[in-house]
Protein backbone atom coordinates (compact mmCIF):
# COMPACT_ATOMS: atom_id res chain seq x y z
CA UNK A 1 82.60 26.96 -155.26
CA UNK A 2 80.38 30.20 -154.88
CA UNK A 3 76.94 30.24 -153.06
CA UNK A 4 74.22 32.72 -152.79
CA UNK A 5 71.08 31.59 -150.78
CA UNK A 6 67.25 32.69 -150.30
CA UNK A 7 65.08 29.70 -149.19
CA UNK A 8 62.45 27.92 -151.33
CA UNK A 9 60.23 25.08 -150.66
CA UNK A 10 61.10 23.70 -147.46
CA UNK A 11 59.04 20.28 -146.39
CA UNK A 12 59.32 17.02 -144.39
CA UNK A 13 59.20 13.81 -146.50
CA UNK A 14 59.71 10.07 -145.48
CA UNK A 15 61.93 10.78 -142.64
CA UNK A 16 63.88 13.79 -143.99
CA UNK A 17 63.50 17.56 -143.70
CA UNK A 18 64.34 19.04 -147.17
CA UNK A 19 65.59 22.46 -147.81
CA UNK A 20 65.62 24.01 -151.30
CA UNK A 21 67.50 27.17 -151.81
CA UNK A 22 68.39 29.75 -154.66
CA UNK A 23 72.19 28.96 -155.32
CA UNK A 24 74.70 30.14 -157.88
CA UNK A 25 76.94 27.33 -158.46
CA UNK A 26 79.36 29.59 -160.28
CA UNK A 27 80.14 32.45 -157.97
CA UNK A 28 79.71 34.23 -154.68
CA UNK A 29 77.43 36.72 -156.42
CA UNK A 30 74.15 36.88 -157.61
CA UNK A 31 73.21 35.15 -161.25
CA UNK A 32 72.79 31.58 -162.67
CA UNK A 33 70.18 30.97 -159.80
CA UNK A 34 69.54 27.08 -159.54
CA UNK A 35 67.76 25.13 -156.81
CA UNK A 36 70.41 23.82 -154.31
CA UNK A 37 69.10 20.84 -152.29
CA UNK A 38 69.84 19.47 -148.66
CA UNK A 39 68.31 16.82 -146.30
CA UNK A 40 68.40 16.62 -142.48
CA UNK A 41 66.99 14.40 -139.80
CA UNK A 42 66.98 17.43 -137.22
CA UNK A 43 67.30 20.56 -139.25
CA UNK A 44 70.73 21.11 -137.47
CA UNK A 45 73.06 18.51 -139.24
CA UNK A 46 72.73 18.71 -143.08
CA UNK A 47 73.81 16.82 -145.93
CA UNK A 48 74.11 18.28 -149.45
CA UNK A 49 72.41 16.66 -152.40
CA UNK A 50 72.66 17.16 -156.18
CA UNK A 51 71.01 20.39 -157.56
CA UNK A 52 67.23 19.80 -157.76
CA UNK A 53 66.57 22.16 -160.63
CA UNK A 54 68.49 24.41 -163.04
CA UNK A 55 67.58 27.02 -165.48
CA UNK A 56 67.24 25.00 -168.73
CA UNK A 57 63.80 25.88 -170.19
CA UNK A 58 62.31 28.95 -171.66
CA UNK A 59 60.24 29.58 -168.85
CA UNK A 60 63.27 29.75 -166.31
CA UNK A 61 66.02 30.32 -168.47
CA UNK A 62 67.00 33.47 -166.54
CA UNK A 63 66.71 31.87 -162.95
CA UNK A 64 64.75 29.26 -160.84
CA UNK A 65 63.57 31.47 -158.30
CA UNK A 66 61.74 31.16 -155.05
CA UNK A 67 58.95 28.75 -154.43
CA UNK A 68 56.82 26.67 -152.14
CA UNK A 69 55.88 23.18 -151.62
CA UNK A 70 52.54 21.99 -150.86
CA UNK A 71 51.92 18.53 -149.72
CA UNK A 72 48.16 17.26 -150.56
CA UNK A 73 46.04 14.96 -148.48
CA UNK A 74 47.12 12.01 -150.70
CA UNK A 75 50.97 12.60 -150.13
CA UNK A 76 51.64 14.18 -153.55
CA UNK A 77 54.03 17.08 -153.55
CA UNK A 78 53.12 20.23 -155.52
CA UNK A 79 56.17 22.45 -156.18
CA UNK A 80 55.40 25.91 -157.43
CA UNK A 81 58.32 28.39 -158.52
CA UNK A 82 58.87 31.61 -159.89
CA UNK A 83 60.75 31.33 -163.21
CA UNK A 84 62.58 34.20 -164.84
CA UNK A 85 61.90 33.63 -168.62
CA UNK A 86 64.12 34.06 -171.57
CA UNK A 87 62.33 37.43 -171.91
CA UNK A 88 62.90 38.37 -168.37
CA UNK A 89 59.16 37.95 -167.62
CA UNK A 90 58.48 36.54 -164.05
CA UNK A 91 56.04 33.47 -164.56
CA UNK A 92 54.91 30.72 -161.98
CA UNK A 93 55.98 27.30 -162.85
CA UNK A 94 54.94 23.78 -161.71
CA UNK A 95 57.35 20.96 -160.81
CA UNK A 96 56.73 17.60 -158.95
CA UNK A 97 59.07 14.82 -157.70
CA UNK A 98 59.81 12.21 -160.45
CA UNK A 99 59.74 9.41 -157.87
CA UNK A 100 57.41 10.06 -154.78
CA UNK A 101 58.73 7.08 -153.07
CA UNK A 102 62.29 8.31 -153.02
CA UNK A 103 63.01 9.94 -149.45
CA UNK A 104 65.76 11.92 -150.91
CA UNK A 105 63.58 13.41 -153.75
CA UNK A 106 66.50 13.63 -155.97
CA UNK A 107 64.86 14.15 -159.26
CA UNK A 108 62.06 16.72 -160.15
CA UNK A 109 60.11 17.15 -163.29
CA UNK A 110 59.03 20.49 -164.72
CA UNK A 111 55.59 20.51 -166.26
CA UNK A 112 55.67 20.53 -169.84
CA UNK A 113 53.15 23.30 -170.31
CA UNK A 114 54.48 25.81 -167.80
CA UNK A 115 54.21 28.55 -166.91
CA UNK A 116 50.95 27.88 -165.01
CA UNK A 117 50.58 31.68 -164.11
CA UNK A 118 51.70 34.85 -165.84
CA UNK A 119 51.64 38.51 -165.02
CA UNK A 120 48.03 39.62 -164.94
CA UNK A 121 46.77 42.74 -166.87
CA UNK A 122 48.19 45.80 -164.99
CA UNK A 123 51.24 44.15 -163.39
CA UNK A 124 54.66 44.49 -164.69
CA UNK A 125 56.46 41.75 -166.24
CA UNK A 126 59.20 41.96 -163.29
CA UNK A 127 56.81 42.56 -160.36
CA UNK A 128 55.42 38.98 -160.28
CA UNK A 129 56.98 36.52 -158.13
CA UNK A 130 57.37 33.92 -154.99
CA UNK A 131 54.24 31.66 -154.87
CA UNK A 132 53.23 30.53 -151.42
CA UNK A 133 52.35 27.16 -150.09
CA UNK A 134 48.71 26.62 -151.19
CA UNK A 135 45.76 26.25 -148.88
CA UNK A 136 42.32 24.85 -149.37
CA UNK A 137 39.47 27.55 -149.50
CA UNK A 138 35.83 27.34 -148.33
CA UNK A 139 34.68 26.20 -151.69
CA UNK A 140 37.17 23.41 -151.80
CA UNK A 141 39.30 24.88 -154.40
CA UNK A 142 43.12 25.27 -153.79
CA UNK A 143 44.26 28.84 -153.25
CA UNK A 144 47.99 30.36 -153.77
CA UNK A 145 49.17 33.90 -153.18
CA UNK A 146 51.84 35.78 -155.16
CA UNK A 147 53.43 38.96 -154.29
CA UNK A 148 53.25 42.04 -156.63
CA UNK A 149 53.24 45.69 -156.94
CA UNK A 150 50.68 48.42 -158.27
CA UNK A 151 52.53 51.84 -158.48
CA UNK A 152 54.03 52.05 -154.82
CA UNK A 153 51.41 49.72 -153.21
CA UNK A 154 52.67 46.37 -152.23
CA UNK A 155 50.08 43.87 -152.86
CA UNK A 156 49.15 40.06 -152.55
CA UNK A 157 47.26 38.50 -155.81
CA UNK A 158 45.24 35.20 -155.05
CA UNK A 159 44.70 32.41 -157.65
CA UNK A 160 42.54 29.33 -157.33
CA UNK A 161 42.81 25.93 -159.02
CA UNK A 162 41.39 22.57 -159.09
CA UNK A 163 43.87 20.64 -160.92
CA UNK A 164 47.29 22.48 -160.01
CA UNK A 165 47.82 23.16 -163.86
CA UNK A 166 45.14 25.71 -164.63
CA UNK A 167 44.93 28.62 -162.40
CA UNK A 168 42.49 31.38 -162.12
CA UNK A 169 43.10 34.85 -160.56
CA UNK A 170 40.36 35.81 -158.07
CA UNK A 171 39.00 39.41 -158.02
CA UNK A 172 40.66 42.11 -155.86
CA UNK A 173 43.87 41.40 -153.68
CA UNK A 174 44.37 39.39 -150.38
CA UNK A 175 45.66 42.71 -148.86
CA UNK A 176 47.87 45.77 -149.94
CA UNK A 177 49.49 48.77 -148.12
CA UNK A 178 50.28 51.83 -150.21
CA UNK A 179 53.76 53.26 -150.03
CA UNK A 180 55.54 49.88 -149.04
CA UNK A 181 56.95 48.88 -152.56
CA UNK A 182 57.22 45.49 -153.95
CA UNK A 183 56.22 42.47 -151.79
CA UNK A 184 58.29 39.37 -152.35
CA UNK A 185 58.72 36.11 -150.62
CA UNK A 186 55.09 36.38 -149.37
CA UNK A 187 54.12 34.03 -146.47
CA UNK A 188 50.45 33.47 -145.25
CA UNK A 189 49.48 30.92 -142.71
CA UNK A 190 47.34 30.33 -139.65
CA UNK A 191 48.43 30.42 -136.06
CA UNK A 192 46.40 29.38 -132.94
CA UNK A 193 45.76 32.07 -130.53
CA UNK A 194 45.76 29.75 -127.48
CA UNK A 195 47.55 26.75 -128.64
CA UNK A 196 50.92 25.62 -128.45
CA UNK A 197 51.22 23.77 -131.57
CA UNK A 198 51.42 24.82 -135.39
CA UNK A 199 48.77 24.78 -137.73
CA UNK A 200 48.30 23.19 -141.14
CA UNK A 201 48.07 25.90 -143.70
CA UNK A 202 44.61 25.27 -144.62
CA UNK A 203 43.37 25.64 -141.10
CA UNK A 204 40.88 28.58 -140.46
CA UNK A 205 38.02 29.20 -138.05
CA UNK A 206 37.62 30.24 -134.40
CA UNK A 207 40.55 30.62 -132.26
CA UNK A 208 42.83 31.26 -135.26
CA UNK A 209 44.57 34.30 -136.57
CA UNK A 210 46.27 34.48 -139.94
CA UNK A 211 49.77 35.89 -140.16
CA UNK A 212 50.68 37.81 -143.41
CA UNK A 213 54.39 38.26 -143.91
CA UNK A 214 56.07 40.10 -147.05
CA UNK A 215 59.72 40.71 -147.72
CA UNK A 216 60.08 44.53 -148.57
CA UNK A 217 62.13 44.66 -151.76
CA UNK A 218 62.80 48.29 -151.05
CA UNK A 219 64.40 48.16 -147.80
CA UNK A 220 65.31 44.26 -147.43
CA UNK A 221 63.21 43.81 -144.32
CA UNK A 222 60.68 40.92 -143.56
CA UNK A 223 57.35 42.68 -142.07
CA UNK A 224 54.38 40.75 -140.59
CA UNK A 225 51.15 41.54 -138.99
CA UNK A 226 48.37 39.55 -137.39
CA UNK A 227 44.76 39.43 -138.82
CA UNK A 228 41.58 37.92 -139.98
CA UNK A 229 41.29 35.89 -142.99
CA UNK A 230 37.74 35.89 -144.69
CA UNK A 231 37.74 32.74 -146.76
CA UNK A 232 34.72 33.76 -148.67
CA UNK A 233 36.05 37.11 -149.92
CA UNK A 234 39.54 35.96 -149.78
CA UNK A 235 40.62 38.97 -148.15
CA UNK A 236 42.83 39.61 -144.99
CA UNK A 237 42.38 42.53 -142.51
CA UNK A 238 44.98 43.58 -140.09
CA UNK A 239 43.81 43.43 -136.28
CA UNK A 240 45.58 46.93 -136.06
CA UNK A 241 46.04 49.06 -139.18
CA UNK A 242 48.93 50.88 -137.59
CA UNK A 243 50.85 47.37 -137.08
CA UNK A 244 50.09 46.56 -140.86
CA UNK A 245 52.59 44.88 -143.11
CA UNK A 246 55.45 47.09 -144.20
CA UNK A 247 54.96 49.56 -141.58
CA UNK A 248 54.58 47.74 -138.14
CA UNK A 249 56.43 44.68 -136.91
CA UNK A 250 59.18 42.72 -138.31
CA UNK A 251 60.23 38.98 -137.80
CA UNK A 252 63.85 40.04 -137.18
CA UNK A 253 65.30 43.47 -136.78
CA UNK A 254 68.80 42.52 -138.11
CA UNK A 255 70.21 40.81 -141.43
CA UNK A 256 67.33 38.52 -141.88
CA UNK A 257 65.42 38.41 -145.07
CA UNK A 258 63.27 36.34 -147.69
CA UNK A 259 62.14 34.05 -144.76
CA UNK A 260 59.65 31.12 -145.28
CA UNK A 261 57.74 28.80 -143.25
CA UNK A 262 56.49 25.32 -143.44
CA UNK A 263 54.21 23.17 -141.35
CA UNK A 264 56.17 20.31 -139.78
CA UNK A 265 53.50 17.64 -139.93
CA UNK A 266 55.35 15.08 -137.59
CA UNK A 267 55.86 17.54 -134.56
CA UNK A 268 52.95 19.57 -135.54
CA UNK A 269 54.79 22.90 -135.30
CA UNK A 270 55.48 25.74 -137.98
CA UNK A 271 58.93 26.19 -138.70
CA UNK A 272 60.55 29.20 -139.94
CA UNK A 273 63.79 29.79 -142.15
CA UNK A 274 65.59 32.97 -142.85
CA UNK A 275 68.53 33.95 -145.25
CA UNK A 276 71.40 35.96 -143.55
CA UNK A 277 73.00 38.15 -145.97
CA UNK A 278 76.68 39.03 -145.90
CA UNK A 279 77.83 42.72 -144.34
CA UNK A 280 80.97 42.80 -145.98
CA UNK A 281 81.92 43.80 -149.59
CA UNK A 282 81.59 41.59 -152.69
CA UNK A 283 85.37 41.39 -153.36
CA UNK A 284 85.63 39.74 -150.07
CA UNK A 285 82.96 37.17 -150.71
CA UNK A 286 84.53 36.46 -154.04
CA UNK A 287 87.83 35.79 -152.25
CA UNK A 288 86.43 33.51 -149.95
CA UNK A 289 84.35 31.78 -152.48
CA UNK A 290 80.98 31.80 -150.77
CA UNK A 291 78.32 34.35 -149.40
CA UNK A 292 75.31 34.01 -147.12
CA UNK A 293 74.16 31.64 -144.46
CA UNK A 294 71.03 29.99 -142.94
CA UNK A 295 69.68 30.94 -139.46
CA UNK A 296 68.85 28.35 -137.03
CA UNK A 297 65.31 27.41 -137.77
CA UNK A 298 62.71 28.85 -135.55
CA UNK A 299 59.32 27.84 -134.26
CA UNK A 300 56.54 30.06 -134.73
CA UNK A 301 53.75 30.75 -132.09
CA UNK A 302 51.10 33.41 -131.35
CA UNK A 303 52.07 35.46 -128.39
CA UNK A 304 49.08 35.27 -126.19
CA UNK A 305 50.24 37.83 -123.88
CA UNK A 306 50.58 40.76 -126.16
CA UNK A 307 48.17 39.37 -128.66
CA UNK A 308 49.97 41.55 -131.38
CA UNK A 309 53.25 39.88 -131.58
CA UNK A 310 54.44 36.28 -132.70
CA UNK A 311 57.10 34.25 -130.58
CA UNK A 312 59.81 33.15 -132.53
CA UNK A 313 62.36 30.65 -130.86
CA UNK A 314 65.14 28.17 -131.95
CA UNK A 315 63.99 24.68 -132.60
CA UNK A 316 64.49 22.56 -129.80
CA UNK A 317 67.09 20.34 -131.93
CA UNK A 318 69.70 22.97 -131.38
CA UNK A 319 70.23 22.08 -127.91
CA UNK A 320 71.67 18.76 -128.89
CA UNK A 321 74.84 20.70 -129.65
CA UNK A 322 75.11 21.79 -125.97
CA UNK A 323 78.02 20.43 -123.96
CA UNK A 324 79.41 22.26 -120.98
CA UNK A 325 77.54 24.64 -119.15
CA UNK A 326 78.23 27.36 -116.45
CA UNK A 327 75.93 29.32 -114.59
CA UNK A 328 76.30 32.81 -112.75
CA UNK A 329 73.64 33.94 -110.38
CA UNK A 330 72.79 37.48 -109.01
CA UNK A 331 75.78 39.16 -110.48
CA UNK A 332 75.68 42.88 -109.20
CA UNK A 333 76.42 45.40 -112.07
CA UNK A 334 77.11 48.75 -111.08
CA UNK A 335 76.83 51.80 -113.38
CA UNK A 336 79.76 51.61 -115.73
CA UNK A 337 81.06 47.98 -114.85
CA UNK A 338 82.20 45.30 -117.16
CA UNK A 339 82.32 41.89 -115.65
CA UNK A 340 84.53 39.06 -117.40
CA UNK A 341 82.80 35.69 -117.16
CA UNK A 342 85.53 32.89 -116.81
CA UNK A 343 84.23 30.38 -119.37
CA UNK A 344 87.22 30.04 -121.57
CA UNK A 345 86.60 30.21 -125.14
CA UNK A 346 83.46 32.06 -126.09
CA UNK A 347 83.27 31.54 -130.04
CA UNK A 348 80.40 28.90 -129.86
CA UNK A 349 77.76 29.46 -127.29
CA UNK A 350 73.90 29.38 -126.17
CA UNK A 351 73.47 31.77 -123.56
CA UNK A 352 70.18 32.59 -121.48
CA UNK A 353 70.15 35.63 -119.44
CA UNK A 354 67.76 37.60 -117.13
CA UNK A 355 68.18 41.09 -115.80
CA UNK A 356 66.68 43.02 -112.73
CA UNK A 357 66.94 46.58 -112.53
CA UNK A 358 66.96 48.42 -109.21
CA UNK A 359 63.17 48.97 -108.77
CA UNK A 360 63.56 51.70 -106.15
CA UNK A 361 65.87 53.78 -108.59
CA UNK A 362 63.57 53.07 -111.56
CA UNK A 363 60.52 54.38 -109.76
CA UNK A 364 62.26 57.46 -108.51
CA UNK A 365 63.37 58.48 -112.00
CA UNK A 366 61.23 61.25 -113.31
CA UNK A 367 62.15 60.93 -117.05
CA UNK A 368 64.92 59.19 -119.14
CA UNK A 369 65.64 59.04 -122.87
CA UNK A 370 62.05 59.27 -124.18
CA UNK A 371 63.21 59.63 -127.74
CA UNK A 372 65.61 56.75 -127.63
CA UNK A 373 66.04 54.65 -130.75
CA UNK A 374 68.44 51.90 -131.25
CA UNK A 375 69.54 52.36 -134.72
CA UNK A 376 70.15 56.08 -134.36
CA UNK A 377 71.97 55.89 -130.89
CA UNK A 378 75.55 55.96 -129.90
CA UNK A 379 75.25 52.18 -129.39
CA UNK A 380 76.54 50.36 -126.37
CA UNK A 381 78.90 53.38 -125.54
CA UNK A 382 76.08 55.96 -125.30
CA UNK A 383 75.21 56.22 -121.62
CA UNK A 384 71.70 56.86 -120.36
CA UNK A 385 70.18 56.76 -116.95
CA UNK A 386 68.49 53.43 -117.30
CA UNK A 387 71.01 51.89 -120.09
CA UNK A 388 72.40 50.01 -121.88
CA UNK A 389 72.96 46.77 -119.96
CA UNK A 390 73.66 43.42 -121.52
CA UNK A 391 76.41 41.13 -122.54
CA UNK A 392 79.51 41.34 -124.67
CA UNK A 393 79.94 38.51 -127.00
CA UNK A 394 82.81 37.90 -129.37
CA UNK A 395 84.98 40.20 -127.44
CA UNK A 396 88.52 39.80 -126.94
CA UNK A 397 90.56 40.26 -123.67
CA UNK A 398 91.35 43.98 -124.07
CA UNK A 399 87.72 44.81 -125.76
CA UNK A 400 89.32 45.89 -129.00
CA UNK A 401 86.43 44.15 -130.56
CA UNK A 402 83.03 43.30 -128.98
CA UNK A 403 79.58 42.95 -129.92
CA UNK A 404 77.04 44.03 -127.44
CA UNK A 405 73.53 42.82 -126.98
CA UNK A 406 71.77 44.91 -124.59
CA UNK A 407 68.54 46.37 -123.28
CA UNK A 408 67.90 50.36 -122.72
CA UNK A 409 64.68 51.38 -120.80
CA UNK A 410 63.18 54.80 -121.59
CA UNK A 411 60.89 56.22 -119.03
CA UNK A 412 58.37 58.89 -119.95
CA UNK A 413 57.09 61.76 -117.57
CA UNK A 414 53.78 59.89 -117.45
CA UNK A 415 55.63 56.93 -115.64
CA UNK A 416 55.28 54.51 -118.45
CA UNK A 417 58.38 52.55 -119.71
CA UNK A 418 59.64 51.26 -123.04
CA UNK A 419 62.40 48.71 -123.44
CA UNK A 420 64.75 48.58 -126.44
CA UNK A 421 66.63 45.39 -127.33
CA UNK A 422 69.68 46.27 -129.39
CA UNK A 423 72.78 44.76 -130.98
CA UNK A 424 75.60 47.04 -131.52
CA UNK A 425 78.13 46.38 -134.46
CA UNK A 426 80.04 49.58 -134.40
CA UNK A 427 83.11 47.90 -132.72
CA UNK A 428 82.67 44.11 -133.65
CA UNK A 429 85.61 44.02 -136.09
CA UNK A 430 88.90 45.86 -136.61
CA UNK A 431 88.46 45.22 -140.36
CA UNK A 432 87.18 48.92 -140.97
CA UNK A 433 84.63 50.29 -143.16
CA UNK A 434 84.53 47.20 -145.48
CA UNK A 435 82.14 45.35 -142.72
CA UNK A 436 78.84 46.26 -141.42
CA UNK A 437 78.98 48.55 -138.35
CA UNK A 438 75.14 49.50 -137.69
CA UNK A 439 73.17 49.34 -134.56
CA UNK A 440 70.34 47.06 -134.93
CA UNK A 441 67.15 46.65 -132.79
CA UNK A 442 63.75 47.57 -131.85
CA UNK A 443 61.12 48.26 -129.09
CA UNK A 444 60.16 44.87 -127.34
CA UNK A 445 57.20 44.87 -124.88
CA UNK A 446 58.45 43.70 -121.42
CA UNK A 447 55.18 43.19 -119.56
CA UNK A 448 54.51 44.12 -115.91
CA UNK A 449 55.25 40.50 -114.66
CA UNK A 450 58.31 40.13 -116.68
CA UNK A 451 61.97 40.84 -116.33
CA UNK A 452 64.22 41.78 -119.48
CA UNK A 453 65.45 38.31 -120.75
CA UNK A 454 67.58 37.28 -123.68
CA UNK A 455 68.62 34.26 -125.43
CA UNK A 456 71.77 34.58 -127.49
CA UNK A 457 73.27 31.94 -130.10
CA UNK A 458 76.64 32.74 -130.99
CA UNK A 459 78.43 30.82 -133.75
CA UNK A 460 81.87 32.53 -134.66
CA UNK A 461 80.53 35.17 -136.82
CA UNK A 462 76.79 34.81 -136.41
CA UNK A 463 74.86 36.26 -133.54
CA UNK A 464 71.20 35.53 -133.39
CA UNK A 465 69.56 37.22 -130.35
CA UNK A 466 66.08 36.77 -128.74
CA UNK A 467 64.18 38.67 -126.40
CA UNK A 468 61.33 37.80 -124.04
CA UNK A 469 60.81 34.27 -125.33
CA UNK A 470 61.23 35.46 -129.08
CA UNK A 471 59.04 38.50 -129.17
CA UNK A 472 61.91 40.55 -130.73
CA UNK A 473 64.63 38.94 -132.75
CA UNK A 474 68.11 40.57 -133.91
CA UNK A 475 70.31 38.36 -136.57
CA UNK A 476 73.65 39.99 -137.37
CA UNK A 477 76.71 38.89 -139.28
CA UNK A 478 79.96 39.97 -137.82
CA UNK A 479 83.60 39.74 -138.85
CA UNK A 480 85.98 39.60 -135.90
CA UNK A 481 89.53 39.64 -136.40
CA UNK A 482 90.79 39.24 -132.81
CA UNK A 483 87.93 37.90 -131.05
CA UNK A 484 87.95 34.58 -132.97
CA UNK A 485 88.22 30.96 -131.87
CA UNK A 486 90.00 30.48 -128.49
CA UNK A 487 90.57 34.34 -128.03
CA UNK A 488 86.79 35.07 -127.97
CA UNK A 489 85.52 36.06 -124.52
CA UNK A 490 81.92 36.94 -122.91
CA UNK A 491 81.41 39.88 -120.64
CA UNK A 492 78.39 41.12 -118.59
CA UNK A 493 77.99 44.96 -118.78
CA UNK A 494 76.09 47.93 -117.35
CA UNK A 495 76.94 51.29 -118.83
CA UNK A 496 73.77 52.90 -117.37
CA UNK A 497 74.51 56.01 -115.24
CA UNK A 498 71.82 55.86 -112.84
CA UNK A 499 70.88 52.24 -111.98
CA UNK A 500 72.40 49.18 -110.64
CA UNK A 501 71.37 45.97 -112.56
CA UNK A 502 71.39 42.31 -111.37
CA UNK A 503 72.08 39.63 -113.96
CA UNK A 504 71.46 35.86 -113.84
CA UNK A 505 73.09 33.94 -116.89
CA UNK A 506 73.63 30.34 -117.97
CA UNK A 507 75.91 29.65 -120.75
CA UNK A 508 76.49 26.47 -122.63
CA UNK A 509 79.47 25.78 -124.98
CA UNK A 510 78.10 24.37 -128.29
CA UNK A 511 79.50 21.77 -130.50
CA UNK A 512 79.56 22.54 -134.44
CA UNK A 513 76.75 21.22 -136.90
CA UNK A 514 77.94 18.44 -139.06
CA UNK A 515 77.24 19.74 -142.74
CA UNK A 516 78.58 17.68 -145.61
CA UNK A 517 77.84 16.05 -148.77
CA UNK A 518 75.43 12.94 -148.86
CA UNK A 519 77.24 9.88 -149.50
CA UNK A 520 75.33 8.89 -152.48
CA UNK A 521 77.83 6.41 -153.71
CA UNK A 522 77.10 4.36 -150.49
CA UNK A 523 73.47 3.81 -151.32
């Protein structure tokens, strides 16, 4: 059975986390988009349920696309989703549970008078999609945002409603950025600038910033920015115009797209799901019968240290998969060294590592690689005075295959430093040109009182990497042919030419998540 996934409408209801996702039950490629449905008590172990919605009405005949759930104060669940009509027009539709007392929410009713929103004047019929979770405005009316496009300017339209069946478009736009193209899978939510907890989507006021995130259809990246939401004018303004949506920060610098958050009202946290697309060729996906994966869910917090970033971190529940642990402290990595770590099989790991660069050498260096960039560099094989250094995951004994995750420090003539966090897929597989071989990464702020740190989750062919408590993230899909199962190994390395690095690392072996169909016949 083929699969293709983009997330839609996550929520928590009566003891279960629900995940709805775009799904092609007939093939491993795009088409016949229905809503798959799975539930979990911890967002790690999942149970598949029957399809939640299928394209069977004129207003969604060409696909049940992305949507969002809103839980009302009285417990009702409102699901808005994009339908691609029989005439290929993108419209917004309403659905709701047939039985709210059903913990599994097995059956959904589509509103008979759908659609509830159609493309406004001046908006193309194929540039109007992906409604957000709704929030309450200052006037008591509910608001919803929808992604769109005018010429080459990506925009967010806002609609209001009092009854969830009649929607009125508000004047202007929530925000827009010229030259960024179509904004899809828009997300809009508050974060506390000093708190350790997530916020309900309707929260606003002192001590709160609003995150605006959009998935860029032109380049398939998820960008976000922090800013101020004016609930009277229903506009959002970025804190830093140079870090605006589409031109500034990304949620993840790897293969991570069409992400969506929801507020977990039980643990008072905001949770982020991301879609990991494939990096092989379509014929391989058809051969294996499935395509794309779900990332480990991540908590979302404001980075109080920088004030400009979010901190995205694997949910604590993933630690339930940890088994044996091994720790290596103060490992000296001289220039050009590769140090094997004797832990046995390294195909499923949770790794936490901290690196310390020899400060005397660092201070004495006048200039190093001021124009460095992860994606245009020679990867981990490209040697500079102050990098690269880090770990090699999914490597075999002979290093014929390896996936480096590393830091690279650039120093300017004024004495300032820039630290880059990168993942290099150029030697991750012997499968050849049919798989992704790019180098991913970005600049990551490492503050004066911090050392370069990383956490890396390895699961056979998925590598999710986090630097500085989640200030920068890189998710990659790899295709090893030799470094698999018991043959996978882990190494530390320092390929810098001019500096010693000391590493301390703790590694947990990880059990597998349990994912299978829900035993409905045993109810």
